[in-house]
Amino acid sequence: MGAGATIATWGALVGLSLGSYYLAEGGGAGPGWVLAPVLVKLWLVLAVFMELARHGRAWLLPIGGFLALVVGVLAVVLGS
């Protein structure tokens, strides 16, 4: 990946972090809505910064699925 993709990904991560903070502090959203941007951020870090997207979906999908499971369980546990 080029420098432009890395910078764009970093900008997206910053935007998602600010959105997640707003949802948690000012938006009054539940844990599921607050953790949704976290899942997207995890996926971006896996794909771009850990370069799993270069190696195809054989690595990215199982690891991303496991992280989705963990974030989903956290949303359920924190929601109750």
N, C-alpha and C. Protein backbone atom coordinates (compact mmCIF):
# COMPACT_ATOMS: atom_id res chain seq x y z
N MET A 1 0.84 -1.17 0.00
CA MET A 1 0.00 0.00 0.00
C MET A 1 0.88 1.23 0.00
N GLY A 2 0.38 2.24 -0.62
CA GLY A 2 1.13 3.47 -0.71
C GLY A 2 0.92 4.35 0.50
N ALA A 3 1.66 5.44 0.50
CA ALA A 3 1.57 6.38 1.61
C ALA A 3 0.20 7.04 1.67
N GLY A 4 -0.41 7.26 0.51
CA GLY A 4 -1.73 7.88 0.49
C GLY A 4 -2.78 7.02 1.17
N ALA A 5 -2.73 5.71 0.93
CA ALA A 5 -3.69 4.81 1.58
C ALA A 5 -3.46 4.75 3.08
N THR A 6 -2.22 4.80 3.48
CA THR A 6 -1.92 4.77 4.92
C THR A 6 -2.41 6.04 5.60
N ILE A 7 -2.19 7.18 4.96
CA ILE A 7 -2.64 8.45 5.53
C ILE A 7 -4.17 8.50 5.57
N ALA A 8 -4.82 8.02 4.52
CA ALA A 8 -6.29 8.00 4.50
C ALA A 8 -6.83 7.07 5.59
N THR A 9 -6.18 5.95 5.80
CA THR A 9 -6.60 5.03 6.85
C THR A 9 -6.42 5.67 8.22
N TRP A 10 -5.31 6.35 8.40
CA TRP A 10 -5.07 7.04 9.68
C TRP A 10 -6.16 8.08 9.92
N GLY A 11 -6.52 8.84 8.89
CA GLY A 11 -7.58 9.83 9.02
C GLY A 11 -8.91 9.18 9.38
N ALA A 12 -9.19 8.04 8.76
CA ALA A 12 -10.42 7.32 9.08
C ALA A 12 -10.40 6.84 10.53
N LEU A 13 -9.25 6.38 11.00
CA LEU A 13 -9.14 5.92 12.39
C LEU A 13 -9.37 7.07 13.36
N VAL A 14 -8.82 8.23 13.05
CA VAL A 14 -9.04 9.40 13.91
C VAL A 14 -10.52 9.78 13.92
N GLY A 15 -11.14 9.81 12.74
CA GLY A 15 -12.56 10.14 12.67
C GLY A 15 -13.44 9.15 13.42
N LEU A 16 -13.13 7.87 13.28
CA LEU A 16 -13.88 6.85 14.01
C LEU A 16 -13.68 6.96 15.52
N SER A 17 -12.47 7.31 15.93
CA SER A 17 -12.22 7.49 17.37
C SER A 17 -13.02 8.66 17.92
N LEU A 18 -13.05 9.75 17.18
CA LEU A 18 -13.83 10.91 17.62
C LEU A 18 -15.33 10.58 17.64
N GLY A 19 -15.80 9.85 16.64
CA GLY A 19 -17.20 9.45 16.61
C GLY A 19 -17.55 8.53 17.76
N SER A 20 -16.67 7.60 18.06
CA SER A 20 -16.90 6.69 19.18
C SER A 20 -16.92 7.45 20.51
N TYR A 21 -16.03 8.42 20.65
CA TYR A 21 -16.01 9.24 21.86
C TYR A 21 -17.31 10.03 21.99
N TYR A 22 -17.76 10.60 20.89
CA TYR A 22 -19.01 11.36 20.93
C TYR A 22 -20.19 10.46 21.33
N LEU A 23 -20.24 9.27 20.74
CA LEU A 23 -21.33 8.36 21.07
C LEU A 23 -21.30 7.95 22.55
N ALA A 24 -20.09 7.76 23.07
CA ALA A 24 -19.98 7.31 24.47
C ALA A 24 -20.26 8.44 25.45
N GLU A 25 -19.78 9.64 25.15
CA GLU A 25 -19.88 10.74 26.12
C GLU A 25 -21.09 11.64 25.92
N GLY A 26 -21.39 11.97 24.68
CA GLY A 26 -22.43 12.96 24.46
C GLY A 26 -23.67 12.44 23.79
N GLY A 27 -23.56 11.34 23.08
CA GLY A 27 -24.68 10.87 22.30
C GLY A 27 -25.67 10.02 23.07
N GLY A 28 -25.27 9.48 24.18
CA GLY A 28 -26.15 8.64 24.97
C GLY A 28 -26.48 7.31 24.31
N ALA A 29 -25.62 6.86 23.43
CA ALA A 29 -25.86 5.60 22.72
C ALA A 29 -25.47 4.42 23.61
N GLY A 30 -26.04 3.27 23.30
CA GLY A 30 -25.73 2.06 24.04
C GLY A 30 -24.38 1.50 23.65
N PRO A 31 -23.93 0.49 24.36
CA PRO A 31 -22.61 -0.08 24.11
C PRO A 31 -22.44 -0.67 22.71
N GLY A 32 -23.51 -1.19 22.15
CA GLY A 32 -23.42 -1.74 20.80
C GLY A 32 -23.05 -0.68 19.77
N TRP A 33 -23.65 0.50 19.92
CA TRP A 33 -23.34 1.60 18.99
C TRP A 33 -21.97 2.16 19.23
N VAL A 34 -21.51 2.15 20.46
CA VAL A 34 -20.17 2.67 20.76
C VAL A 34 -19.11 1.70 20.27
N LEU A 35 -19.39 0.40 20.33
CA LEU A 35 -18.40 -0.60 19.92
C LEU A 35 -18.39 -0.85 18.42
N ALA A 36 -19.39 -0.38 17.69
CA ALA A 36 -19.41 -0.58 16.23
C ALA A 36 -18.21 0.09 15.55
N PRO A 37 -17.90 1.36 15.87
CA PRO A 37 -16.70 1.96 15.27
C PRO A 37 -15.41 1.25 15.70
N VAL A 38 -15.41 0.66 16.88
CA VAL A 38 -14.24 -0.09 17.34
C VAL A 38 -13.97 -1.28 16.43
N LEU A 39 -15.03 -1.95 16.02
CA LEU A 39 -14.87 -3.09 15.12
C LEU A 39 -14.33 -2.64 13.77
N VAL A 40 -14.81 -1.52 13.26
CA VAL A 40 -14.30 -1.00 11.99
C VAL A 40 -12.83 -0.60 12.12
N LYS A 41 -12.49 0.00 13.25
CA LYS A 41 -11.08 0.38 13.47
C LYS A 41 -10.18 -0.85 13.54
N LEU A 42 -10.64 -1.89 14.22
CA LEU A 42 -9.86 -3.13 14.28
C LEU A 42 -9.65 -3.71 12.89
N TRP A 43 -10.69 -3.70 12.08
CA TRP A 43 -10.60 -4.23 10.72
C TRP A 43 -9.61 -3.41 9.89
N LEU A 44 -9.65 -2.09 10.02
CA LEU A 44 -8.71 -1.24 9.26
C LEU A 44 -7.27 -1.48 9.69
N VAL A 45 -7.04 -1.62 10.98
CA VAL A 45 -5.68 -1.87 11.46
C VAL A 45 -5.19 -3.22 10.94
N LEU A 46 -6.06 -4.23 10.98
CA LEU A 46 -5.67 -5.55 10.46
C LEU A 46 -5.34 -5.48 8.97
N ALA A 47 -6.19 -4.85 8.23
CA ALA A 47 -6.05 -4.85 6.77
C ALA A 47 -4.89 -3.99 6.29
N VAL A 48 -4.75 -2.79 6.86
CA VAL A 48 -3.79 -1.83 6.31
C VAL A 48 -2.46 -1.87 7.06
N PHE A 49 -2.50 -1.68 8.36
CA PHE A 49 -1.25 -1.54 9.10
C PHE A 49 -0.57 -2.88 9.36
N MET A 50 -1.35 -3.94 9.55
CA MET A 50 -0.76 -5.27 9.70
C MET A 50 -0.61 -5.97 8.35
N GLU A 51 -1.08 -5.33 7.29
CA GLU A 51 -0.95 -5.76 5.90
C GLU A 51 -1.54 -7.14 5.63
N LEU A 52 -2.62 -7.48 6.33
CA LEU A 52 -3.27 -8.76 6.05
C LEU A 52 -4.05 -8.72 4.74
N ALA A 53 -4.42 -7.54 4.27
CA ALA A 53 -5.14 -7.43 3.01
C ALA A 53 -4.25 -7.86 1.83
N ARG A 54 -2.95 -7.70 1.99
CA ARG A 54 -2.02 -8.12 0.93
C ARG A 54 -1.99 -9.63 0.75
N HIS A 55 -2.30 -10.36 1.78
CA HIS A 55 -2.19 -11.82 1.76
C HIS A 55 -3.51 -12.49 1.45
N GLY A 56 -4.48 -11.74 1.04
CA GLY A 56 -5.77 -12.31 0.67
C GLY A 56 -6.69 -12.46 1.86
N ARG A 57 -7.84 -13.02 1.57
CA ARG A 57 -8.88 -13.14 2.60
C ARG A 57 -8.67 -14.34 3.52
N ALA A 58 -7.72 -15.19 3.21
CA ALA A 58 -7.51 -16.38 4.02
C ALA A 58 -7.11 -16.03 5.45
N TRP A 59 -6.44 -14.93 5.66
CA TRP A 59 -6.06 -14.49 7.00
C TRP A 59 -7.02 -13.44 7.54
N LEU A 60 -7.44 -12.54 6.68
CA LEU A 60 -8.23 -11.39 7.13
C LEU A 60 -9.61 -11.79 7.62
N LEU A 61 -10.29 -12.68 6.93
CA LEU A 61 -11.65 -13.04 7.32
C LEU A 61 -11.74 -13.82 8.63
N PRO A 62 -10.91 -14.85 8.86
CA PRO A 62 -11.03 -15.55 10.15
C PRO A 62 -10.66 -14.68 11.34
N ILE A 63 -9.62 -13.89 11.22
CA ILE A 63 -9.22 -13.03 12.33
C ILE A 63 -10.25 -11.93 12.54
N GLY A 64 -10.74 -11.35 11.44
CA GLY A 64 -11.79 -10.34 11.55
C GLY A 64 -13.07 -10.91 12.13
N GLY A 65 -13.41 -12.14 11.75
CA GLY A 65 -14.59 -12.78 12.32
C GLY A 65 -14.45 -13.03 13.81
N PHE A 66 -13.27 -13.44 14.24
CA PHE A 66 -13.03 -13.64 15.66
C PHE A 66 -13.15 -12.32 16.43
N LEU A 67 -12.59 -11.25 15.88
CA LEU A 67 -12.70 -9.95 16.53
C LEU A 67 -14.15 -9.47 16.57
N ALA A 68 -14.91 -9.75 15.52
CA ALA A 68 -16.33 -9.39 15.52
C ALA A 68 -17.07 -10.15 16.62
N LEU A 69 -16.72 -11.41 16.81
CA LEU A 69 -17.31 -12.20 17.87
C LEU A 69 -16.98 -11.61 19.25
N VAL A 70 -15.74 -11.25 19.46
CA VAL A 70 -15.32 -10.67 20.75
C VAL A 70 -16.03 -9.35 21.00
N VAL A 71 -16.08 -8.48 20.00
CA VAL A 71 -16.76 -7.18 20.17
C VAL A 71 -18.25 -7.40 20.38
N GLY A 72 -18.85 -8.36 19.71
CA GLY A 72 -20.26 -8.66 19.92
C GLY A 72 -20.56 -9.15 21.33
N VAL A 73 -19.70 -10.02 21.83
CA VAL A 73 -19.87 -10.49 23.20
C VAL A 73 -19.71 -9.34 24.20
N LEU A 74 -18.76 -8.48 23.96
CA LEU A 74 -18.59 -7.31 24.82
C LEU A 74 -19.83 -6.41 24.80
N ALA A 75 -20.41 -6.22 23.62
CA ALA A 75 -21.61 -5.38 23.52
C ALA A 75 -22.77 -6.00 24.29
N VAL A 76 -22.89 -7.32 24.22
CA VAL A 76 -23.97 -7.98 24.96
C VAL A 76 -23.74 -7.90 26.46
N VAL A 77 -22.51 -8.17 26.89
CA VAL A 77 -22.20 -8.16 28.32
C VAL A 77 -22.35 -6.76 28.90
N LEU A 78 -21.85 -5.76 28.19
CA LEU A 78 -21.92 -4.38 28.69
C LEU A 78 -23.32 -3.81 28.59
N GLY A 79 -24.13 -4.35 27.69
CA GLY A 79 -25.49 -3.86 27.53
C GLY A 79 -26.43 -4.32 28.62
N SER A 80 -26.08 -5.37 29.31
CA SER A 80 -26.98 -5.89 30.34
C SER A 80 -26.67 -5.35 31.71
